[in-house]
């Protein structure tokens, strides 16, 4: 039987003094991971665009007409999205999905397709935040 001191140590390890009992973080799935990455993409685009365009935009507004301001805003958003494309995976993923969907090589809603293949068809398994093929023969066939 553990001594009183040992049992209080075990209890103190499972409790945080400020928040009470510790909780286990929920598992991250592919949908929530892509949603988070999409949010980061747009935050990076807007914050980088605002940081790069605040000074020049104010100067352009003072000296130039409104059309110059809209061109400057477009340039700043292009630079911001360029930074976001290099920092996140969602931008290239979205472009590739749209391109392949237009050419009819992928379904329009790829994440719903993958979720259906995992939950209802049993072709894919979920390992953390990614999907994997269950059958090695199918994987070899698709790779060739």
N, C-alpha and C. Protein backbone atom coordinates (compact mmCIF):
# COMPACT_ATOMS: atom_id res chain seq x y z
N UNK A 1 0.84 -1.18 0.00
CA UNK A 1 0.00 0.00 0.00
C UNK A 1 0.88 1.24 0.00
N UNK A 2 0.59 2.21 -0.90
CA UNK A 2 1.44 3.39 -0.96
C UNK A 2 1.26 4.27 0.27
N UNK A 3 2.32 4.91 0.63
CA UNK A 3 2.24 5.80 1.78
C UNK A 3 1.42 7.04 1.41
N UNK A 4 1.08 7.79 2.40
CA UNK A 4 0.27 8.97 2.19
C UNK A 4 1.01 10.00 1.32
N UNK A 5 2.29 10.09 1.50
CA UNK A 5 3.09 11.03 0.74
C UNK A 5 3.13 10.64 -0.74
N UNK A 6 3.26 9.37 -1.03
CA UNK A 6 3.30 8.93 -2.42
C UNK A 6 1.95 9.16 -3.11
N UNK A 7 0.85 8.89 -2.42
CA UNK A 7 -0.45 9.09 -3.06
C UNK A 7 -0.73 10.56 -3.30
N UNK A 8 -0.24 11.46 -2.46
CA UNK A 8 -0.45 12.88 -2.70
C UNK A 8 0.39 13.35 -3.88
N UNK A 9 1.57 12.74 -4.08
CA UNK A 9 2.38 13.09 -5.24
C UNK A 9 1.68 12.67 -6.52
N UNK A 10 1.12 11.50 -6.52
CA UNK A 10 0.42 11.02 -7.72
C UNK A 10 -0.76 11.94 -8.04
N UNK A 11 -1.46 12.40 -7.02
CA UNK A 11 -2.59 13.29 -7.22
C UNK A 11 -2.10 14.64 -7.72
N UNK A 12 -1.01 15.14 -7.19
CA UNK A 12 -0.52 16.44 -7.63
C UNK A 12 -0.01 16.39 -9.06
N UNK A 13 0.44 15.23 -9.52
CA UNK A 13 0.88 15.13 -10.91
C UNK A 13 -0.30 15.16 -11.87
N UNK A 14 -1.43 14.67 -11.46
CA UNK A 14 -2.58 14.65 -12.36
C UNK A 14 -3.42 15.92 -12.26
N UNK A 15 -3.05 16.82 -11.40
CA UNK A 15 -3.78 18.07 -11.25
C UNK A 15 -2.85 19.25 -11.48
N UNK A 16 -3.38 20.25 -12.08
CA UNK A 16 -2.65 21.49 -12.24
C UNK A 16 -3.17 22.44 -11.18
N UNK A 17 -2.30 23.18 -10.50
CA UNK A 17 -2.77 24.05 -9.41
C UNK A 17 -3.73 25.14 -9.88
N UNK A 18 -3.65 25.57 -11.11
CA UNK A 18 -4.51 26.64 -11.57
C UNK A 18 -5.78 26.16 -12.26
N UNK A 19 -5.70 25.07 -12.96
CA UNK A 19 -6.84 24.67 -13.79
C UNK A 19 -7.58 23.44 -13.30
N UNK A 20 -7.11 22.79 -12.26
CA UNK A 20 -7.77 21.58 -11.80
C UNK A 20 -7.24 20.36 -12.53
N UNK A 21 -8.09 19.37 -12.74
CA UNK A 21 -7.63 18.15 -13.41
C UNK A 21 -7.19 18.41 -14.85
N UNK A 22 -6.13 17.77 -15.25
CA UNK A 22 -5.66 17.92 -16.62
C UNK A 22 -6.54 17.10 -17.55
N UNK A 23 -6.73 17.63 -18.72
CA UNK A 23 -7.53 16.91 -19.71
C UNK A 23 -6.64 16.54 -20.89
N UNK A 24 -7.00 15.49 -21.55
CA UNK A 24 -6.27 15.06 -22.72
C UNK A 24 -6.80 15.84 -23.92
N UNK A 25 -5.89 16.36 -24.74
CA UNK A 25 -6.31 17.12 -25.92
C UNK A 25 -7.01 16.19 -26.91
N UNK A 26 -8.06 16.69 -27.58
CA UNK A 26 -8.76 15.84 -28.54
C UNK A 26 -7.85 15.51 -29.72
N UNK A 27 -8.10 14.37 -30.32
CA UNK A 27 -7.31 13.95 -31.47
C UNK A 27 -7.58 14.88 -32.65
N UNK A 28 -6.54 15.18 -33.37
CA UNK A 28 -6.66 16.06 -34.53
C UNK A 28 -6.95 15.21 -35.74
N UNK A 29 -8.03 15.53 -36.44
CA UNK A 29 -8.39 14.81 -37.64
C UNK A 29 -7.99 15.60 -38.88
N UNK A 30 -8.07 14.98 -40.04
CA UNK A 30 -7.69 15.67 -41.27
C UNK A 30 -8.50 16.93 -41.55
N UNK A 31 -9.81 16.88 -41.31
CA UNK A 31 -10.65 18.06 -41.56
C UNK A 31 -10.27 19.23 -40.66
N UNK A 32 -10.09 18.97 -39.38
CA UNK A 32 -9.75 20.07 -38.47
C UNK A 32 -8.36 20.60 -38.75
N UNK A 33 -7.45 19.74 -39.17
CA UNK A 33 -6.10 20.18 -39.51
C UNK A 33 -6.13 21.09 -40.74
N UNK A 34 -6.89 20.72 -41.77
CA UNK A 34 -6.98 21.56 -42.97
C UNK A 34 -7.69 22.87 -42.66
N UNK A 35 -8.71 22.83 -41.79
CA UNK A 35 -9.40 24.06 -41.42
C UNK A 35 -8.46 25.01 -40.68
N UNK A 36 -7.65 24.46 -39.80
CA UNK A 36 -6.68 25.29 -39.07
C UNK A 36 -5.63 25.86 -40.03
N UNK A 37 -5.16 25.05 -40.97
CA UNK A 37 -4.17 25.51 -41.92
C UNK A 37 -4.75 26.58 -42.84
N UNK A 38 -6.02 26.43 -43.23
CA UNK A 38 -6.69 27.45 -44.05
C UNK A 38 -6.79 28.77 -43.29
N UNK A 39 -7.13 28.69 -42.00
CA UNK A 39 -7.22 29.89 -41.17
C UNK A 39 -5.87 30.58 -41.07
N UNK A 40 -4.81 29.81 -40.88
CA UNK A 40 -3.46 30.38 -40.80
C UNK A 40 -3.08 31.01 -42.14
N UNK A 41 -3.45 30.37 -43.25
CA UNK A 41 -3.16 30.91 -44.58
C UNK A 41 -3.75 32.31 -44.72
N UNK A 42 -5.04 32.47 -44.39
CA UNK A 42 -5.68 33.77 -44.56
C UNK A 42 -5.18 34.79 -43.55
N UNK A 43 -4.86 34.35 -42.34
CA UNK A 43 -4.29 35.28 -41.37
C UNK A 43 -2.93 35.80 -41.84
N UNK A 44 -2.10 34.90 -42.37
CA UNK A 44 -0.81 35.33 -42.89
C UNK A 44 -0.97 36.26 -44.08
N UNK A 45 -1.90 35.96 -44.96
CA UNK A 45 -2.12 36.81 -46.13
C UNK A 45 -2.51 38.22 -45.69
N UNK A 46 -3.46 38.31 -44.78
CA UNK A 46 -3.96 39.63 -44.37
C UNK A 46 -2.96 40.40 -43.51
N UNK A 47 -2.31 39.71 -42.57
CA UNK A 47 -1.35 40.42 -41.71
C UNK A 47 -0.11 40.85 -42.48
N UNK A 48 0.39 39.99 -43.36
CA UNK A 48 1.55 40.38 -44.16
C UNK A 48 1.18 41.50 -45.11
N UNK A 49 0.01 41.39 -45.71
CA UNK A 49 -0.45 42.46 -46.59
C UNK A 49 -0.62 43.78 -45.85
N UNK A 50 -1.17 43.73 -44.65
CA UNK A 50 -1.34 44.96 -43.87
C UNK A 50 0.01 45.52 -43.44
N UNK A 51 0.93 44.65 -43.04
CA UNK A 51 2.24 45.12 -42.59
C UNK A 51 3.03 45.74 -43.73
N UNK A 52 2.95 45.15 -44.92
CA UNK A 52 3.70 45.68 -46.05
C UNK A 52 3.01 46.86 -46.71
N UNK A 53 1.70 46.95 -46.59
CA UNK A 53 0.99 47.98 -47.33
C UNK A 53 0.54 49.17 -46.53
N UNK A 54 0.75 49.19 -45.23
CA UNK A 54 0.24 50.29 -44.41
C UNK A 54 0.93 51.61 -44.75
N UNK A 55 2.24 51.62 -44.76
CA UNK A 55 2.98 52.85 -45.06
C UNK A 55 2.81 53.30 -46.49
N UNK A 56 3.15 52.44 -47.46
CA UNK A 56 2.97 52.85 -48.86
C UNK A 56 1.51 53.16 -49.22
N UNK A 57 0.58 52.45 -48.60
CA UNK A 57 -0.84 52.71 -48.89
C UNK A 57 -1.27 54.08 -48.41
N UNK A 58 -0.80 54.49 -47.25
CA UNK A 58 -1.14 55.82 -46.73
C UNK A 58 -0.53 56.91 -47.61
N UNK A 59 0.70 56.69 -48.07
CA UNK A 59 1.34 57.66 -48.96
C UNK A 59 0.61 57.73 -50.29
N UNK A 60 0.21 56.59 -50.83
CA UNK A 60 -0.50 56.57 -52.11
C UNK A 60 -1.85 57.25 -51.99
N UNK A 61 -2.51 57.10 -50.87
CA UNK A 61 -3.82 57.72 -50.67
C UNK A 61 -3.69 59.24 -50.63
N UNK A 62 -2.59 59.74 -50.05
CA UNK A 62 -2.39 61.18 -49.96
C UNK A 62 -2.06 61.80 -51.31
N UNK A 63 -1.31 61.07 -52.17
CA UNK A 63 -0.84 61.66 -53.42
C UNK A 63 -1.56 61.18 -54.67
N UNK A 64 -2.17 60.05 -54.61
CA UNK A 64 -2.68 59.45 -55.84
C UNK A 64 -4.20 59.25 -55.78
N UNK A 65 -4.80 59.05 -56.94
CA UNK A 65 -6.24 58.79 -56.96
C UNK A 65 -6.56 57.39 -56.44
N UNK A 66 -7.84 57.10 -56.36
CA UNK A 66 -8.32 55.84 -55.80
C UNK A 66 -7.90 54.64 -56.62
N UNK A 67 -7.76 54.78 -57.93
CA UNK A 67 -7.38 53.64 -58.77
C UNK A 67 -5.98 53.16 -58.41
N UNK A 68 -5.07 54.06 -58.07
CA UNK A 68 -3.73 53.66 -57.66
C UNK A 68 -3.78 52.89 -56.35
N UNK A 69 -4.69 53.27 -55.49
CA UNK A 69 -4.85 52.57 -54.22
C UNK A 69 -5.32 51.13 -54.43
N UNK A 70 -6.24 50.92 -55.35
CA UNK A 70 -6.72 49.56 -55.60
C UNK A 70 -5.63 48.70 -56.23
N UNK A 71 -4.81 49.27 -57.10
CA UNK A 71 -3.68 48.53 -57.67
C UNK A 71 -2.69 48.17 -56.57
N UNK A 72 -2.40 49.12 -55.70
CA UNK A 72 -1.50 48.86 -54.57
C UNK A 72 -2.04 47.79 -53.64
N UNK A 73 -3.34 47.82 -53.41
CA UNK A 73 -3.96 46.80 -52.56
C UNK A 73 -3.84 45.42 -53.20
N UNK A 74 -4.03 45.35 -54.50
CA UNK A 74 -3.87 44.08 -55.21
C UNK A 74 -2.44 43.57 -55.11
N UNK A 75 -1.47 44.44 -55.25
CA UNK A 75 -0.06 44.04 -55.15
C UNK A 75 0.26 43.55 -53.75
N UNK A 76 -0.23 44.26 -52.75
CA UNK A 76 0.03 43.87 -51.36
C UNK A 76 -0.60 42.51 -51.05
N UNK A 77 -1.82 42.27 -51.55
CA UNK A 77 -2.46 40.97 -51.32
C UNK A 77 -1.73 39.85 -52.05
N UNK A 78 -1.19 40.15 -53.22
CA UNK A 78 -0.39 39.13 -53.94
C UNK A 78 0.87 38.79 -53.15
N UNK A 79 1.52 39.79 -52.60
CA UNK A 79 2.72 39.53 -51.79
C UNK A 79 2.34 38.75 -50.54
N UNK A 80 1.26 39.15 -49.88
CA UNK A 80 0.80 38.44 -48.67
C UNK A 80 0.42 37.00 -48.95
N UNK A 81 -0.27 36.76 -50.06
CA UNK A 81 -0.63 35.37 -50.37
C UNK A 81 0.60 34.58 -50.80
N UNK A 82 1.60 35.23 -51.41
CA UNK A 82 2.85 34.55 -51.73
C UNK A 82 3.57 34.08 -50.48
N UNK A 83 3.58 34.92 -49.46
CA UNK A 83 4.18 34.53 -48.17
C UNK A 83 3.39 33.38 -47.55
N UNK A 84 2.06 33.47 -47.62
CA UNK A 84 1.21 32.42 -47.04
C UNK A 84 1.35 31.11 -47.81
N UNK A 85 1.52 31.18 -49.13
CA UNK A 85 1.73 29.96 -49.93
C UNK A 85 3.01 29.26 -49.52
N UNK A 86 4.04 30.03 -49.22
CA UNK A 86 5.31 29.40 -48.85
C UNK A 86 5.31 28.89 -47.41
N UNK A 87 4.43 29.40 -46.58
CA UNK A 87 4.45 29.03 -45.16
C UNK A 87 3.43 27.95 -44.78
N UNK A 88 2.40 27.73 -45.59
CA UNK A 88 1.37 26.75 -45.25
C UNK A 88 1.20 25.74 -46.38
N UNK A 89 0.51 24.67 -46.08
CA UNK A 89 0.25 23.64 -47.10
C UNK A 89 -1.13 23.83 -47.73
N UNK A 90 -1.98 24.65 -47.13
CA UNK A 90 -3.35 24.76 -47.63
C UNK A 90 -3.42 25.45 -48.99
N UNK A 91 -2.63 26.47 -49.22
CA UNK A 91 -2.67 27.19 -50.49
C UNK A 91 -2.37 26.29 -51.68
N UNK A 92 -1.20 25.64 -51.71
CA UNK A 92 -0.93 24.72 -52.83
C UNK A 92 -1.94 23.58 -52.93
N UNK A 93 -2.42 23.09 -51.78
CA UNK A 93 -3.43 22.03 -51.78
C UNK A 93 -4.71 22.50 -52.45
N UNK A 94 -5.17 23.71 -52.11
CA UNK A 94 -6.41 24.24 -52.68
C UNK A 94 -6.26 24.47 -54.18
N UNK A 95 -5.12 25.00 -54.60
CA UNK A 95 -4.91 25.23 -56.03
C UNK A 95 -4.89 23.89 -56.78
N UNK A 96 -4.17 22.91 -56.25
CA UNK A 96 -4.09 21.60 -56.91
C UNK A 96 -5.46 20.93 -56.96
N UNK A 97 -6.23 21.01 -55.86
CA UNK A 97 -7.57 20.40 -55.84
C UNK A 97 -8.48 21.05 -56.86
N UNK A 98 -8.47 22.37 -56.95
CA UNK A 98 -9.33 23.06 -57.92
C UNK A 98 -8.91 22.73 -59.34
N UNK A 99 -7.62 22.73 -59.59
CA UNK A 99 -7.12 22.43 -60.93
C UNK A 99 -7.51 21.01 -61.34
N UNK A 100 -7.29 20.06 -60.46
CA UNK A 100 -7.61 18.66 -60.78
C UNK A 100 -9.11 18.42 -60.85
N UNK A 101 -9.88 19.15 -60.06
CA UNK A 101 -11.34 19.01 -60.13
C UNK A 101 -11.87 19.57 -61.44
N UNK A 102 -11.30 20.66 -61.92
CA UNK A 102 -11.72 21.22 -63.20
C UNK A 102 -11.40 20.28 -64.35
N UNK A 103 -10.32 19.54 -64.23
CA UNK A 103 -9.94 18.59 -65.28
C UNK A 103 -10.58 17.23 -65.05
N UNK A 104 -11.41 17.12 -64.03
CA UNK A 104 -12.16 15.90 -63.68
C UNK A 104 -11.26 14.72 -63.30
N UNK A 105 -10.16 15.05 -62.61
CA UNK A 105 -9.27 14.00 -62.09
C UNK A 105 -9.48 13.76 -60.60
N UNK A 106 -10.17 14.67 -59.94
CA UNK A 106 -10.50 14.54 -58.52
C UNK A 106 -11.94 14.97 -58.31
N UNK A 107 -12.57 14.46 -57.25
CA UNK A 107 -13.91 14.98 -56.92
C UNK A 107 -13.81 16.43 -56.45
N UNK A 108 -14.90 17.17 -56.61
CA UNK A 108 -14.89 18.57 -56.19
C UNK A 108 -14.62 18.73 -54.71
N UNK A 109 -15.28 17.96 -53.90
CA UNK A 109 -15.09 18.04 -52.44
C UNK A 109 -14.23 16.85 -52.02
N UNK A 110 -12.92 17.03 -52.10
CA UNK A 110 -11.99 15.94 -51.85
C UNK A 110 -12.06 15.44 -50.41
N UNK A 111 -12.20 16.34 -49.46
CA UNK A 111 -12.21 15.92 -48.06
C UNK A 111 -13.45 15.07 -47.75
N UNK A 112 -14.60 15.39 -48.33
CA UNK A 112 -15.79 14.56 -48.13
C UNK A 112 -15.61 13.19 -48.77
N UNK A 113 -14.97 13.17 -49.93
CA UNK A 113 -14.68 11.91 -50.61
C UNK A 113 -13.77 11.03 -49.75
N UNK A 114 -12.72 11.62 -49.19
CA UNK A 114 -11.80 10.85 -48.35
C UNK A 114 -12.46 10.40 -47.06
N UNK A 115 -13.30 11.24 -46.48
CA UNK A 115 -14.02 10.86 -45.27
C UNK A 115 -14.97 9.69 -45.55
N UNK A 116 -15.66 9.74 -46.68
CA UNK A 116 -16.54 8.64 -47.07
C UNK A 116 -15.74 7.35 -47.30
N UNK A 117 -14.60 7.46 -47.95
CA UNK A 117 -13.76 6.27 -48.20
C UNK A 117 -13.25 5.68 -46.89
N UNK A 118 -13.08 6.53 -45.89
CA UNK A 118 -12.61 6.04 -44.59
C UNK A 118 -13.74 5.48 -43.74
N UNK A 119 -14.82 6.25 -43.57
CA UNK A 119 -15.87 5.87 -42.62
C UNK A 119 -16.84 4.83 -43.17
N UNK A 120 -17.18 4.91 -44.44
CA UNK A 120 -18.24 4.05 -44.97
C UNK A 120 -17.74 2.91 -45.86
N UNK A 121 -16.66 3.13 -46.56
CA UNK A 121 -16.19 2.13 -47.51
C UNK A 121 -15.06 1.26 -46.96
N UNK A 122 -14.31 1.76 -46.00
CA UNK A 122 -13.23 0.98 -45.41
C UNK A 122 -11.99 0.86 -46.27
N UNK A 123 -11.85 1.73 -47.27
CA UNK A 123 -10.68 1.67 -48.14
C UNK A 123 -9.49 2.37 -47.50
N UNK A 124 -9.77 3.42 -46.73
CA UNK A 124 -8.71 4.19 -46.08
C UNK A 124 -8.77 4.01 -44.58
N UNK A 125 -7.64 4.18 -43.94
CA UNK A 125 -7.60 4.23 -42.48
C UNK A 125 -7.02 5.58 -42.08
N UNK A 126 -7.41 6.02 -40.90
CA UNK A 126 -6.93 7.31 -40.41
C UNK A 126 -5.81 7.06 -39.42
N UNK A 127 -4.66 7.63 -39.71
CA UNK A 127 -3.50 7.53 -38.81
C UNK A 127 -3.15 8.95 -38.39
N UNK A 128 -3.68 9.35 -37.25
CA UNK A 128 -3.46 10.73 -36.81
C UNK A 128 -4.26 11.68 -37.67
N UNK A 129 -3.54 12.57 -38.35
CA UNK A 129 -4.22 13.57 -39.16
C UNK A 129 -4.15 13.26 -40.65
N UNK A 130 -3.79 12.05 -41.00
CA UNK A 130 -3.68 11.68 -42.42
C UNK A 130 -4.47 10.41 -42.70
N UNK A 131 -4.83 10.23 -43.96
CA UNK A 131 -5.47 9.00 -44.40
C UNK A 131 -4.41 8.12 -45.08
N UNK A 132 -4.52 6.82 -44.89
CA UNK A 132 -3.63 5.86 -45.53
C UNK A 132 -4.47 4.78 -46.19
N UNK A 133 -3.96 4.24 -47.31
CA UNK A 133 -4.65 3.12 -47.95
C UNK A 133 -4.50 1.88 -47.09
N UNK A 134 -5.57 1.13 -46.95
CA UNK A 134 -5.53 -0.10 -46.16
C UNK A 134 -4.87 -1.25 -46.91
N UNK A 135 -5.07 -1.32 -48.20
CA UNK A 135 -4.65 -2.49 -48.98
C UNK A 135 -3.41 -2.17 -49.80
N UNK A 136 -2.36 -2.92 -49.58
CA UNK A 136 -1.09 -2.68 -50.27
C UNK A 136 -1.22 -2.95 -51.76
N UNK A 137 -2.04 -3.92 -52.15
CA UNK A 137 -2.21 -4.21 -53.59
C UNK A 137 -2.85 -3.03 -54.31
N UNK A 138 -3.84 -2.39 -53.67
CA UNK A 138 -4.47 -1.22 -54.25
C UNK A 138 -3.46 -0.07 -54.35
N UNK A 139 -2.66 0.10 -53.34
CA UNK A 139 -1.65 1.13 -53.35
C UNK A 139 -0.65 0.93 -54.50
N UNK A 140 -0.22 -0.30 -54.69
CA UNK A 140 0.71 -0.61 -55.78
C UNK A 140 0.06 -0.37 -57.14
N UNK A 141 -1.20 -0.75 -57.26
CA UNK A 141 -1.92 -0.55 -58.53
C UNK A 141 -2.05 0.94 -58.86
N UNK A 142 -2.40 1.75 -57.86
CA UNK A 142 -2.56 3.18 -58.09
C UNK A 142 -1.23 3.87 -58.34
N UNK A 143 -0.15 3.35 -57.77
CA UNK A 143 1.17 3.94 -57.96
C UNK A 143 1.72 3.66 -59.34
N UNK A 144 1.31 2.54 -59.94
CA UNK A 144 1.87 2.19 -61.27
C UNK A 144 1.12 2.85 -62.40
